[in-house]
Amino acid sequence: MKTLIKGGRVIDPASGRDAIGDVLVEGERIVALDAAAGGAAADKIIDAKGLVVAPGLVDICARLREPGFEYKATLESEMHAAVAGGVTSLACPPDTDPPLDEPGLVDMLRRRAKALTQARLYPIGALTVKLEGERLTEMAELHESGCLAFTQANVPLDDTQVLWRALQYAGTFGFPVWLRAEDLSLSRDGVAHDGEVATRLGLQGIPAFAETIALGKLLLLVRATGTRLHVCRISTAGAVEMIRAAKAEKLPVTCDVGIHHVHLSEMDLGYFDSHCHLVPPLRSLRDRDALRAGLADGTIDVICSDHTPVDEDAKQMPFSESEVGATGLELLLPLTLKWAAEAKLPLARALAKVTSDAARVLGVKSGRVEPGAPADLAIFDAGAHFRVVPEALKSQGKNTPFIGYELAGQVRYTLVDGSVVYAGAQK
């Protein structure tokens, strides 16, 4: 089947292209652009006049809550939320119940996701058995089952010798390791950034150096092993500087930031807003501005949603007792557009952080609009505004600090493998 996407603003962040044109899709691939596409006979025509045609978003951290936490969300609900947000590929961390530490669990999850025929799912395997930080998993077997990288998710690996062995093992096979930088002895029992706001609210603080001390250890081990390291969810100005120096040294290091940390700071905690109870915690305005600068200059490679659907009861608790996390799949695109507008960045450069750059870090072929590329596309109206209200979210988790915000960027169509998997309200 041939589908012609006609007259849209075609943006390919990988090449820097940003021009009005046509895209011809045949089967699962993009086969032609512009004049070569416009003259072809097509079975289906999508009028994209006034819309942006971009690669489908690649979200490198989205919790789908299966297996084990179906009362918080289901694979069906979160996959639907993904395509409604223009996300065509997503990586899920292994902090499920049981954790993704056995090939059978990974196979089951991938089969379930494939049967839904929506977004592509890429599991990230557990680095240690049950994420307990004691025994390494059989990474080679997990890789054969489809795991592209290995991580501890939000469970810090405090044993430096186990961490060293894990990096050695992964490096032997060329597997990337994804880790959050957190010194557990410094962050234990903390729920907010150790600063003026936490002091005023009487909340246990987590100092910024809990991140930088742990990051220093990780970078030393990368120097010793040469293993590819992806640092997940950096949150401090100090970490940005350390990553910048590591890249200047040509260490094999990449990093990401959660979309919530691009926009929010400790000031948004207000009077104990549990929707802002996140891991890592929202930091100071100085830290937030450093994260934005790091994104703009390329120090930070990727923006992710860090999507964590939480049931309402778990959020309606005192701040320090509430469950951490916020939903983000459907807001990743509009919040990225908001950052681009505020930073006065070209749209192609901003979209790279959630498309081509994210695909590079994940190690997949998506994230491009060019002949031969997978026909995974997001077609959206960058100027269409909407109010964030819980009942409009497709995700089962309605927990977001952006409730009530006016955002721009509504997805009209999402294509995966050349098929329209989501068609939103049209103009």
Protein backbone atom coordinates (compact mmCIF):
# COMPACT_ATOMS: atom_id res chain seq x y z
CA MET A 1 0.00 0.00 0.00
CA LYS A 2 1.21 3.49 -0.87
CA THR A 3 0.47 6.50 1.32
CA LEU A 4 1.24 10.04 0.17
CA ILE A 5 1.68 12.69 2.88
CA LYS A 6 1.15 15.88 0.93
CA GLY A 7 2.16 19.49 1.46
CA GLY A 8 3.51 19.28 5.01
CA ARG A 9 6.46 21.02 6.64
CA VAL A 10 8.86 18.07 6.49
CA ILE A 11 11.49 18.18 9.25
CA ASP A 12 14.34 15.68 9.38
CA PRO A 13 16.49 16.55 12.42
CA ALA A 14 19.23 14.13 11.34
CA SER A 15 19.96 16.13 8.17
CA GLY A 16 18.67 19.51 9.31
CA ARG A 17 16.01 19.56 6.60
CA ASP A 18 13.06 21.90 7.25
CA ALA A 19 11.01 22.56 4.11
CA ILE A 20 7.54 22.16 2.65
CA GLY A 21 7.27 18.91 0.71
CA ASP A 22 5.71 15.50 0.20
CA VAL A 23 6.55 12.11 1.69
CA LEU A 24 5.68 8.85 -0.06
CA VAL A 25 5.38 5.73 2.05
CA GLU A 26 5.18 2.25 0.57
CA GLY A 27 4.78 -0.71 2.86
CA GLU A 28 6.92 -0.19 5.95
CA ARG A 29 9.40 2.30 4.42
CA ILE A 30 9.68 5.86 3.23
CA VAL A 31 10.42 5.53 -0.50
CA ALA A 32 10.50 9.09 -1.85
CA LEU A 33 10.40 12.76 -0.95
CA ASP A 34 9.21 15.93 -2.70
CA ALA A 35 8.93 15.78 -6.52
CA ALA A 36 9.64 12.05 -6.63
CA ALA A 37 6.87 11.52 -4.11
CA GLY A 38 4.31 14.03 -5.38
CA GLY A 39 3.98 12.45 -8.79
CA ALA A 40 3.35 8.93 -7.55
CA ALA A 41 -0.06 7.25 -7.52
CA ALA A 42 -1.11 6.54 -3.94
CA ASP A 43 -3.76 4.39 -2.28
CA LYS A 44 -4.16 6.91 0.56
CA ILE A 45 -3.47 10.64 0.71
CA ILE A 46 -2.95 12.55 3.96
CA ASP A 47 -3.30 16.29 3.59
CA ALA A 48 -0.55 17.72 5.79
CA LYS A 49 -0.90 21.35 4.74
CA GLY A 50 -0.14 23.52 7.78
CA LEU A 51 1.20 20.53 9.70
CA VAL A 52 4.69 19.34 10.63
CA VAL A 53 5.78 15.94 9.31
CA ALA A 54 8.59 14.66 11.52
CA PRO A 55 10.10 11.35 12.60
CA GLY A 56 8.07 9.60 15.26
CA LEU A 57 9.39 10.39 18.72
CA VAL A 58 11.82 7.96 20.35
CA ASP A 59 11.30 7.92 24.11
CA ILE A 60 14.16 6.21 25.92
CA CYS A 61 12.40 5.87 29.30
CA ALA A 62 8.73 4.99 29.63
CA ARG A 63 7.35 2.72 32.33
CA LEU A 64 4.47 0.65 30.98
CA ARG A 65 3.79 -1.01 34.35
CA GLU A 66 3.59 -4.56 33.03
CA PRO A 67 4.19 -7.07 34.39
CA GLY A 68 3.11 -6.64 37.99
CA PHE A 69 1.63 -3.15 38.28
CA GLU A 70 -1.44 -3.38 36.05
CA TYR A 71 -3.49 -1.48 38.63
CA LYS A 72 -1.36 1.57 37.79
CA ALA A 73 -1.44 1.12 34.02
CA THR A 74 -1.58 -1.54 31.33
CA LEU A 75 0.44 -2.16 28.21
CA GLU A 76 -2.65 -1.33 26.13
CA SER A 77 -3.33 2.01 27.83
CA GLU A 78 0.29 3.20 27.70
CA MET A 79 0.92 2.10 24.13
CA HIS A 80 -2.20 4.03 23.12
CA ALA A 81 -0.91 7.03 25.07
CA ALA A 82 2.43 6.73 23.26
CA VAL A 83 1.02 6.90 19.73
CA ALA A 84 -1.41 9.65 20.79
CA GLY A 85 1.70 11.62 21.74
CA GLY A 86 3.50 10.89 18.48
CA VAL A 87 5.87 8.39 20.16
CA THR A 88 6.61 5.52 17.78
CA SER A 89 9.50 3.86 19.65
CA LEU A 90 10.00 3.56 23.36
CA ALA A 91 12.38 1.87 25.77
CA CYS A 92 11.00 0.49 29.01
CA PRO A 93 13.20 0.08 32.11
CA PRO A 94 13.25 -3.25 33.97
CA ASP A 95 11.71 -2.11 37.28
CA THR A 96 8.60 -4.24 36.85
CA ASP A 97 7.39 -7.07 39.11
CA PRO A 98 9.18 -9.34 38.54
CA PRO A 99 12.04 -7.28 37.07
CA LEU A 100 13.12 -7.92 33.48
CA ASP A 101 16.05 -10.12 34.46
CA GLU A 102 15.12 -13.30 32.56
CA PRO A 103 14.78 -13.88 28.79
CA GLY A 104 11.29 -15.37 29.15
CA LEU A 105 9.93 -12.18 30.70
CA VAL A 106 11.47 -10.07 27.94
CA ASP A 107 10.07 -12.36 25.23
CA MET A 108 6.60 -12.22 26.76
CA LEU A 109 6.62 -8.42 26.94
CA ARG A 110 7.82 -8.02 23.37
CA ARG A 111 5.20 -10.46 22.03
CA ARG A 112 2.43 -8.64 23.90
CA ALA A 113 3.59 -5.28 22.55
CA LYS A 114 3.90 -6.57 18.98
CA ALA A 115 0.36 -7.96 19.11
CA LEU A 116 -0.95 -4.47 19.87
CA THR A 117 0.56 -3.15 16.57
CA GLN A 118 1.17 0.32 17.95
CA ALA A 119 4.54 1.73 19.06
CA ARG A 120 7.78 -0.25 18.88
CA LEU A 121 8.91 -1.53 22.27
CA TYR A 122 12.57 -1.94 23.26
CA PRO A 123 13.10 -3.48 26.70
CA ILE A 124 16.14 -2.44 28.73
CA GLY A 125 17.36 -5.43 30.75
CA ALA A 126 18.17 -5.59 34.44
CA LEU A 127 21.88 -5.26 35.18
CA THR A 128 21.65 -7.36 38.34
CA VAL A 129 19.31 -10.17 39.37
CA LYS A 130 16.05 -8.74 40.75
CA LEU A 131 17.79 -5.33 40.67
CA GLU A 132 19.24 -6.24 44.06
CA GLY A 133 22.77 -5.15 43.14
CA GLU A 134 24.42 -8.44 44.12
CA ARG A 135 24.61 -10.87 41.17
CA LEU A 136 24.93 -9.94 37.50
CA THR A 137 22.23 -11.07 35.09
CA GLU A 138 22.95 -13.20 32.03
CA MET A 139 23.31 -10.16 29.81
CA ALA A 140 24.17 -12.13 26.66
CA GLU A 141 20.94 -14.15 26.91
CA LEU A 142 18.89 -11.04 27.65
CA HIS A 143 20.46 -9.32 24.66
CA GLU A 144 19.45 -12.24 22.42
CA SER A 145 15.89 -11.80 23.71
CA GLY A 146 15.85 -8.17 22.61
CA CYS A 147 17.39 -6.06 25.39
CA LEU A 148 19.43 -3.22 23.87
CA ALA A 149 21.12 -2.06 27.08
CA PHE A 150 21.27 -2.83 30.80
CA THR A 151 20.34 -0.73 33.80
CA GLN A 152 19.40 -0.61 37.45
CA ALA A 153 16.49 1.76 36.66
CA ASN A 154 15.96 3.89 39.79
CA VAL A 155 17.68 1.39 42.11
CA PRO A 156 21.20 2.70 42.86
CA LEU A 157 24.00 0.14 42.62
CA ASP A 158 25.95 1.00 45.75
CA ASP A 159 28.51 -1.83 45.66
CA THR A 160 31.42 -0.43 43.65
CA GLN A 161 32.96 -3.83 43.01
CA VAL A 162 29.71 -5.20 41.56
CA LEU A 163 29.46 -2.06 39.43
CA TRP A 164 33.03 -2.53 38.20
CA ARG A 165 32.36 -6.19 37.30
CA ALA A 166 29.12 -5.24 35.57
CA LEU A 167 30.89 -2.68 33.40
CA GLN A 168 33.65 -5.16 32.59
CA TYR A 169 31.13 -7.84 31.61
CA ALA A 170 29.03 -5.47 29.51
CA GLY A 171 32.12 -4.00 27.87
CA THR A 172 33.33 -7.44 26.82
CA PHE A 173 30.20 -7.89 24.70
CA GLY A 174 29.86 -4.26 23.66
CA PHE A 175 26.64 -3.75 25.59
CA PRO A 176 25.88 -0.21 26.77
CA VAL A 177 25.09 0.31 30.44
CA TRP A 178 22.52 2.90 31.48
CA LEU A 179 22.79 4.16 35.05
CA ARG A 180 21.50 6.95 37.22
CA ALA A 181 24.15 8.76 39.21
CA GLU A 182 23.07 8.65 42.83
CA ASP A 183 24.99 8.06 46.05
CA LEU A 184 22.50 6.12 48.14
CA SER A 185 24.15 6.97 51.44
CA LEU A 186 23.56 10.67 50.67
CA SER A 187 20.09 10.40 49.14
CA ARG A 188 18.58 7.86 51.54
CA ASP A 189 15.21 9.04 52.94
CA GLY A 190 15.41 12.26 50.93
CA VAL A 191 12.38 13.44 48.96
CA ALA A 192 13.32 16.91 47.67
CA HIS A 193 16.33 18.99 46.62
CA ASP A 194 18.40 20.00 49.62
CA GLY A 195 17.77 23.72 49.48
CA GLU A 196 15.69 26.58 50.76
CA VAL A 197 12.33 25.13 49.67
CA ALA A 198 12.90 21.74 51.34
CA THR A 199 14.00 23.52 54.52
CA ARG A 200 10.91 25.74 54.53
CA LEU A 201 8.59 22.77 53.94
CA GLY A 202 10.38 20.54 56.44
CA LEU A 203 11.23 17.92 53.81
CA GLN A 204 14.28 15.64 53.95
CA GLY A 205 16.75 16.93 51.36
CA ILE A 206 18.91 15.26 48.73
CA PRO A 207 22.05 17.33 48.07
CA ALA A 208 23.25 18.01 44.54
CA PHE A 209 26.56 16.31 45.36
CA ALA A 210 24.70 13.00 45.83
CA GLU A 211 24.60 13.04 42.03
CA THR A 212 28.03 14.43 41.26
CA ILE A 213 29.90 12.16 43.68
CA ALA A 214 28.25 9.10 42.12
CA LEU A 215 28.87 10.44 38.62
CA GLY A 216 32.56 10.90 39.40
CA LYS A 217 32.79 7.23 40.36
CA LEU A 218 31.01 6.16 37.17
CA LEU A 219 33.33 8.21 34.98
CA LEU A 220 36.41 6.77 36.68
CA LEU A 221 35.12 3.26 35.98
CA VAL A 222 34.42 4.15 32.35
CA ARG A 223 38.03 5.32 32.01
CA ALA A 224 39.16 1.98 33.43
CA THR A 225 36.87 -0.28 31.38
CA GLY A 226 36.06 1.64 28.20
CA THR A 227 32.44 0.52 28.48
CA ARG A 228 29.77 2.68 26.88
CA LEU A 229 27.86 4.49 29.60
CA HIS A 230 24.59 6.35 29.32
CA VAL A 231 23.89 8.51 32.35
CA CYS A 232 20.15 8.65 32.97
CA ARG A 233 18.16 11.65 34.23
CA ILE A 234 20.90 14.08 35.19
CA SER A 235 19.50 16.92 37.28
CA THR A 236 22.31 19.20 38.47
CA ALA A 237 24.56 21.92 37.05
CA GLY A 238 27.58 20.05 38.40
CA ALA A 239 26.65 16.90 36.47
CA VAL A 240 26.30 18.90 33.25
CA GLU A 241 29.84 20.26 33.69
CA MET A 242 31.22 16.79 34.41
CA ILE A 243 29.56 15.29 31.33
CA ARG A 244 30.84 18.18 29.23
CA ALA A 245 34.39 17.50 30.43
CA ALA A 246 34.01 13.74 29.87
CA LYS A 247 32.91 14.32 26.29
CA ALA A 248 35.84 16.67 25.72
CA GLU A 249 38.03 13.81 26.93
CA LYS A 250 36.33 11.55 24.32
CA LEU A 251 34.98 9.14 26.91
CA PRO A 252 32.16 6.90 25.56
CA VAL A 253 29.49 8.71 27.56
CA THR A 254 26.04 10.02 26.69
CA CYS A 255 23.27 11.33 28.95
CA ASP A 256 19.63 12.35 29.09
CA VAL A 257 17.32 14.59 31.09
CA GLY A 258 13.67 14.07 31.98
CA ILE A 259 11.29 16.54 30.33
CA HIS A 260 9.93 17.62 33.72
CA HIS A 261 13.38 18.80 34.81
CA VAL A 262 13.69 20.93 31.66
CA HIS A 263 10.77 23.09 32.78
CA LEU A 264 10.34 22.75 36.54
CA SER A 265 12.39 23.47 39.65
CA GLU A 266 12.08 23.12 43.41
CA MET A 267 9.97 26.28 43.36
CA ASP A 268 7.15 24.28 41.74
CA LEU A 269 6.71 22.14 44.84
CA GLY A 270 4.47 24.94 46.09
CA TYR A 271 2.64 23.65 49.13
CA PHE A 272 3.59 19.98 48.95
CA ASP A 273 2.37 19.25 45.40
CA SER A 274 2.92 15.48 45.23
CA HIS A 275 2.80 15.59 41.41
CA CYS A 276 6.25 17.18 41.73
CA HIS A 277 7.59 14.28 43.83
CA LEU A 278 10.08 12.94 41.30
CA VAL A 279 13.32 10.95 41.13
CA PRO A 280 15.73 12.66 40.88
CA PRO A 281 14.12 15.58 42.70
CA LEU A 282 13.38 18.88 41.02
CA ARG A 283 16.47 20.99 41.63
CA SER A 284 17.21 24.71 41.91
CA LEU A 285 16.54 27.25 39.17
CA ARG A 286 20.29 27.40 38.57
CA ASP A 287 20.33 23.64 37.96
CA ARG A 288 17.32 23.84 35.63
CA ASP A 289 18.96 26.60 33.60
CA ALA A 290 22.18 24.56 33.36
CA LEU A 291 20.19 21.59 32.04
CA ARG A 292 18.63 23.80 29.39
CA ALA A 293 22.03 25.17 28.40
CA GLY A 294 23.44 21.64 28.26
CA LEU A 295 20.65 20.59 25.91
CA ALA A 296 21.21 23.59 23.67
CA ASP A 297 24.98 23.07 23.32
CA GLY A 298 24.76 19.28 22.87
CA THR A 299 26.22 18.23 26.22
CA ILE A 300 22.91 16.50 27.02
CA ASP A 301 22.04 14.14 24.20
CA VAL A 302 18.41 13.26 24.78
CA ILE A 303 15.17 14.39 26.39
CA CYS A 304 12.95 11.58 27.67
CA SER A 305 9.49 11.53 29.22
CA ASP A 306 10.52 9.41 32.23
CA HIS A 307 6.89 8.32 32.01
CA THR A 308 5.74 6.85 35.33
CA PRO A 309 1.98 6.36 35.65
CA VAL A 310 0.89 6.25 39.30
CA ASP A 311 -2.57 5.46 40.66
CA GLU A 312 -4.43 8.38 42.21
CA ASP A 313 -4.45 6.94 45.74
CA ALA A 314 -0.65 6.78 45.77
CA LYS A 315 -0.41 10.47 44.85
CA GLN A 316 -3.05 11.64 47.32
CA MET A 317 -0.67 11.12 50.21
CA PRO A 318 1.54 13.50 52.20
CA PHE A 319 4.40 14.59 49.93
CA SER A 320 7.11 12.45 51.55
CA GLU A 321 4.86 9.36 51.54
CA SER A 322 3.50 9.76 48.01
CA GLU A 323 4.77 7.58 45.20
CA VAL A 324 7.35 9.18 42.93
CA GLY A 325 6.84 9.79 39.24
CA ALA A 326 4.79 11.66 36.66
CA THR A 327 3.09 10.74 33.42
CA GLY A 328 4.79 12.14 30.34
CA LEU A 329 4.29 10.19 27.10
CA GLU A 330 1.58 12.47 25.73
CA LEU A 331 3.31 15.65 26.90
CA LEU A 332 6.82 14.93 25.60
CA LEU A 333 6.20 16.58 22.23
CA PRO A 334 4.40 19.76 23.41
CA LEU A 335 6.86 20.27 26.27
CA THR A 336 9.77 19.87 23.84
CA LEU A 337 8.15 22.48 21.58
CA LYS A 338 7.71 24.76 24.60
CA TRP A 339 11.41 24.45 25.45
CA ALA A 340 12.35 25.14 21.81
CA ALA A 341 10.24 28.29 21.73
CA GLU A 342 11.61 29.58 25.04
CA ALA A 343 15.21 28.79 24.04
CA LYS A 344 14.67 30.27 20.55
CA LEU A 345 16.01 27.12 18.93
CA PRO A 346 15.22 25.91 15.40
CA LEU A 347 12.52 23.24 15.52
CA ALA A 348 14.76 20.68 13.82
CA ARG A 349 17.43 21.04 16.52
CA ALA A 350 14.92 20.68 19.33
CA LEU A 351 13.18 17.67 17.76
CA ALA A 352 16.55 15.94 17.37
CA LYS A 353 16.61 15.45 21.15
CA VAL A 354 13.50 13.26 20.97
CA THR A 355 14.03 11.67 17.55
CA SER A 356 17.38 11.15 15.79
CA ASP A 357 19.61 11.69 18.83
CA ALA A 358 17.43 9.43 20.96
CA ALA A 359 17.50 6.75 18.24
CA ARG A 360 21.31 6.97 18.13
CA VAL A 361 21.62 6.48 21.89
CA LEU A 362 19.11 3.62 21.85
CA GLY A 363 20.81 2.03 18.85
CA VAL A 364 17.79 1.80 16.51
CA LYS A 365 17.23 2.88 12.91
CA SER A 366 14.23 5.13 13.52
CA GLY A 367 14.31 8.90 13.88
CA ARG A 368 14.79 9.94 10.23
CA VAL A 369 12.69 11.16 7.31
CA GLU A 370 14.60 9.92 4.28
CA PRO A 371 14.14 7.28 1.58
CA GLY A 372 14.76 3.81 2.99
CA ALA A 373 14.04 4.82 6.60
CA PRO A 374 11.27 3.11 8.60
CA ALA A 375 7.94 4.84 8.00
CA ASP A 376 7.55 5.88 11.64
CA LEU A 377 6.17 9.43 11.51
CA ALA A 378 4.45 11.99 13.70
CA ILE A 379 2.28 14.55 11.90
CA PHE A 380 1.33 17.38 14.23
CA ASP A 381 0.02 20.91 14.39
CA ALA A 382 2.73 22.90 16.15
CA GLY A 383 0.40 25.87 16.65
CA ALA A 384 -2.65 24.06 18.02
CA HIS A 385 -3.07 24.89 21.71
CA PHE A 386 -4.74 22.73 24.32
CA ARG A 387 -5.19 22.70 28.06
CA VAL A 388 -3.74 19.75 30.00
CA VAL A 389 -6.64 18.11 31.84
CA PRO A 390 -6.52 14.64 33.40
CA GLU A 391 -9.58 13.32 31.60
CA ALA A 392 -8.05 14.04 28.19
CA LEU A 393 -4.94 11.93 28.84
CA LYS A 394 -4.98 8.48 27.24
CA SER A 395 -2.54 7.15 29.85
CA GLN A 396 -4.06 5.38 32.80
CA GLY A 397 -1.84 7.58 34.96
CA LYS A 398 -3.22 11.11 35.26
CA ASN A 399 -0.40 12.27 37.54
CA THR A 400 1.35 15.28 36.03
CA PRO A 401 2.56 18.60 37.44
CA PHE A 402 1.42 20.26 34.18
CA ILE A 403 -2.32 19.96 34.86
CA GLY A 404 -3.91 23.25 33.84
CA TYR A 405 -1.04 24.33 31.59
CA GLU A 406 -1.76 25.68 28.10
CA LEU A 407 0.56 23.90 25.66
CA ALA A 408 0.98 23.93 21.89
CA GLY A 409 1.49 20.88 19.67
CA GLN A 410 -1.31 18.46 18.91
CA VAL A 411 -0.67 15.19 17.09
CA ARG A 412 -2.97 14.65 14.10
CA TYR A 413 -1.55 11.36 12.79
CA THR A 414 0.98 8.81 13.97
CA LEU A 415 2.36 6.20 11.57
CA VAL A 416 4.32 3.10 12.56
CA ASP A 417 5.65 0.79 9.83
CA GLY A 418 3.67 2.84 7.32
CA SER A 419 0.31 2.22 9.01
CA VAL A 420 -1.77 4.96 10.64
CA VAL A 421 -1.94 3.83 14.28
CA TYR A 422 -3.41 7.05 15.61
CA ALA A 423 -5.64 9.69 14.03
CA GLY A 424 -6.51 12.56 16.33
CA ALA A 425 -9.03 15.36 15.96
CA GLN A 426 -8.57 17.21 12.69
CA LYS A 427 -8.76 20.96 12.12
